[in-house]
Amino acid sequence: MSDISIPVALDPYGNPVPIEEAIRFKSDYYCCPECGEFLEPRKGTSRAHFYAHKKGVLEDTDCSLSSQADIDRMVDDLRTSDIEQEEKERQI
């Protein structure tokens, strides 16, 4: 099992869903924002809640969310508004 904890998934309409809002037993509903494969909400009692790729998916799929740094970058992008993104691009 991977130590990578994905905090945000996409619903079938492409809307981001934070793990806190996920329904635990929804199967084949939440998708990875990077590779599009299905994610499972993991909401237990002993550790922080997170999404994880379904078992066996990463054996056949190359997902860019393979490190904590990649996940941190994705979260920063989701937190950045369109106006902030335009400003960032203008400054480059």
C-alpha atoms as a PDB file:
ATOM      1  CA  MET A   1       0.000   0.000   0.000  1.00  0.00           C
ATOM      2  CA  SER A   2       1.234   3.491  -0.849  1.00  0.00           C
ATOM      3  CA  ASP A   3       1.787   6.265   1.675  1.00  0.00           C
ATOM      4  CA  ILE A   4       0.457   8.757  -0.880  1.00  0.00           C
ATOM      5  CA  SER A   5      -2.717  10.423   0.401  1.00  0.00           C
ATOM      6  CA  ILE A   6      -4.781  12.224  -2.230  1.00  0.00           C
ATOM      7  CA  PRO A   7      -6.979  14.876  -0.528  1.00  0.00           C
ATOM      8  CA  VAL A   8      -9.199  15.805  -3.510  1.00  0.00           C
ATOM      9  CA  ALA A   9     -10.999  13.776  -6.179  1.00  0.00           C
ATOM     10  CA  LEU A  10     -13.371  14.676  -8.992  1.00  0.00           C
ATOM     11  CA  ASP A  11     -17.045  13.744  -9.100  1.00  0.00           C
ATOM     12  CA  PRO A  12     -18.603  12.504 -12.380  1.00  0.00           C
ATOM     13  CA  TYR A  13     -19.219  16.142 -13.409  1.00  0.00           C
ATOM     14  CA  GLY A  14     -15.569  17.165 -12.966  1.00  0.00           C
ATOM     15  CA  ASN A  15     -16.119  19.074  -9.728  1.00  0.00           C
ATOM     16  CA  PRO A  16     -13.419  18.772  -7.047  1.00  0.00           C
ATOM     17  CA  VAL A  17     -14.584  16.945  -3.903  1.00  0.00           C
ATOM     18  CA  PRO A  18     -12.438  17.278  -0.762  1.00  0.00           C
ATOM     19  CA  ILE A  19     -12.084  14.034   1.181  1.00  0.00           C
ATOM     20  CA  GLU A  20     -14.061  15.543   4.076  1.00  0.00           C
ATOM     21  CA  GLU A  21     -17.127  15.730   1.793  1.00  0.00           C
ATOM     22  CA  ALA A  22     -16.746  12.261   0.253  1.00  0.00           C
ATOM     23  CA  ILE A  23     -19.301   9.559   0.846  1.00  0.00           C
ATOM     24  CA  ARG A  24     -17.367   6.548   2.057  1.00  0.00           C
ATOM     25  CA  PHE A  25     -19.209   3.731   0.313  1.00  0.00           C
ATOM     26  CA  LYS A  26     -19.635   5.259  -3.163  1.00  0.00           C
ATOM     27  CA  SER A  27     -17.916   2.872  -5.546  1.00  0.00           C
ATOM     28  CA  ASP A  28     -16.733   3.882  -9.032  1.00  0.00           C
ATOM     29  CA  TYR A  29     -17.785   7.489  -8.436  1.00  0.00           C
ATOM     30  CA  TYR A  30     -14.720   9.585  -7.556  1.00  0.00           C
ATOM     31  CA  CYS A  31     -11.918   9.972 -10.119  1.00  0.00           C
ATOM     32  CA  CYS A  32      -8.279  10.962  -9.901  1.00  0.00           C
ATOM     33  CA  PRO A  33      -7.789  14.565 -11.089  1.00  0.00           C
ATOM     34  CA  GLU A  34      -4.607  13.531 -12.905  1.00  0.00           C
ATOM     35  CA  CYS A  35      -5.056  10.099 -14.515  1.00  0.00           C
ATOM     36  CA  GLY A  36      -8.879   9.826 -14.460  1.00  0.00           C
ATOM     37  CA  GLU A  37      -8.898   6.390 -12.818  1.00  0.00           C
ATOM     38  CA  PHE A  38     -11.320   5.627  -9.994  1.00  0.00           C
ATOM     39  CA  LEU A  39     -10.392   6.533  -6.427  1.00  0.00           C
ATOM     40  CA  GLU A  40     -11.759   5.114  -3.200  1.00  0.00           C
ATOM     41  CA  PRO A  41     -12.408   7.334  -0.188  1.00  0.00           C
ATOM     42  CA  ARG A  42     -10.541   5.949   2.804  1.00  0.00           C
ATOM     43  CA  LYS A  43     -12.230   7.285   5.923  1.00  0.00           C
ATOM     44  CA  GLY A  44     -11.263   5.171   8.887  1.00  0.00           C
ATOM     45  CA  THR A  45     -10.810   6.011  12.536  1.00  0.00           C
ATOM     46  CA  SER A  46      -7.071   5.489  13.020  1.00  0.00           C
ATOM     47  CA  ARG A  47      -5.507   7.891  10.488  1.00  0.00           C
ATOM     48  CA  ALA A  48      -6.270  10.959   8.387  1.00  0.00           C
ATOM     49  CA  HIS A  49      -8.892  10.559   5.680  1.00  0.00           C
ATOM     50  CA  PHE A  50      -7.687  10.353   2.066  1.00  0.00           C
ATOM     51  CA  TYR A  51      -8.468   9.055  -1.412  1.00  0.00           C
ATOM     52  CA  ALA A  52      -6.493   6.176  -2.897  1.00  0.00           C
ATOM     53  CA  HIS A  53      -6.463   4.589  -6.324  1.00  0.00           C
ATOM     54  CA  LYS A  54      -8.455   1.371  -6.445  1.00  0.00           C
ATOM     55  CA  LYS A  55      -6.350  -1.740  -5.933  1.00  0.00           C
ATOM     56  CA  GLY A  56      -4.409  -2.768  -9.016  1.00  0.00           C
ATOM     57  CA  VAL A  57      -4.996   0.475 -10.925  1.00  0.00           C
ATOM     58  CA  LEU A  58      -1.473   1.847 -10.590  1.00  0.00           C
ATOM     59  CA  GLU A  59      -0.014  -1.402 -11.882  1.00  0.00           C
ATOM     60  CA  ASP A  60      -1.590  -0.647 -15.287  1.00  0.00           C
ATOM     61  CA  THR A  61      -1.671   3.164 -15.185  1.00  0.00           C
ATOM     62  CA  ASP A  62       1.049   5.769 -14.893  1.00  0.00           C
ATOM     63  CA  CYS A  63      -0.352   8.520 -12.651  1.00  0.00           C
ATOM     64  CA  SER A  64       1.543  11.732 -12.015  1.00  0.00           C
ATOM     65  CA  LEU A  65       0.291  11.750  -8.408  1.00  0.00           C
ATOM     66  CA  SER A  66       2.992   9.334  -7.364  1.00  0.00           C
ATOM     67  CA  SER A  67       4.706  11.495  -4.752  1.00  0.00           C
ATOM     68  CA  GLN A  68       3.684  13.852  -1.977  1.00  0.00           C
ATOM     69  CA  ALA A  69       5.310  16.755  -3.871  1.00  0.00           C
ATOM     70  CA  ASP A  70       3.042  16.044  -6.866  1.00  0.00           C
ATOM     71  CA  ILE A  71      -0.007  16.029  -4.608  1.00  0.00           C
ATOM     72  CA  ASP A  72       1.062  19.279  -2.910  1.00  0.00           C
ATOM     73  CA  ARG A  73       1.422  20.881  -6.355  1.00  0.00           C
ATOM     74  CA  MET A  74      -2.066  19.688  -7.352  1.00  0.00           C
ATOM     75  CA  VAL A  75      -3.587  21.103  -4.152  1.00  0.00           C
ATOM     76  CA  ASP A  76      -1.848  24.457  -4.726  1.00  0.00           C
ATOM     77  CA  ASP A  77      -3.268  24.558  -8.259  1.00  0.00           C
ATOM     78  CA  LEU A  78      -6.773  23.833  -6.943  1.00  0.00           C
ATOM     79  CA  ARG A  79      -6.444  26.592  -4.349  1.00  0.00           C
ATOM     80  CA  THR A  80      -5.306  29.136  -6.941  1.00  0.00           C
ATOM     81  CA  SER A  81      -8.098  31.244  -8.384  1.00  0.00           C
ATOM     82  CA  ASP A  82      -8.248  32.079 -12.092  1.00  0.00           C
ATOM     83  CA  ILE A  83      -7.190  35.662 -11.336  1.00  0.00           C
ATOM     84  CA  GLU A  84      -4.198  34.493  -9.295  1.00  0.00           C
ATOM     85  CA  GLN A  85      -3.207  32.091 -12.088  1.00  0.00           C
ATOM     86  CA  GLU A  86      -3.364  34.894 -14.684  1.00  0.00           C
ATOM     87  CA  GLU A  87      -1.159  37.072 -12.462  1.00  0.00           C
ATOM     88  CA  LYS A  88       1.326  34.246 -12.024  1.00  0.00           C
ATOM     89  CA  GLU A  89       1.543  33.718 -15.781  1.00  0.00           C
ATOM     90  CA  ARG A  90       1.937  37.457 -16.423  1.00  0.00           C
ATOM     91  CA  GLN A  91       4.885  37.679 -14.029  1.00  0.00           C
ATOM     92  CA  ILE A  92       6.791  34.861 -15.711  1.00  0.00           C
END
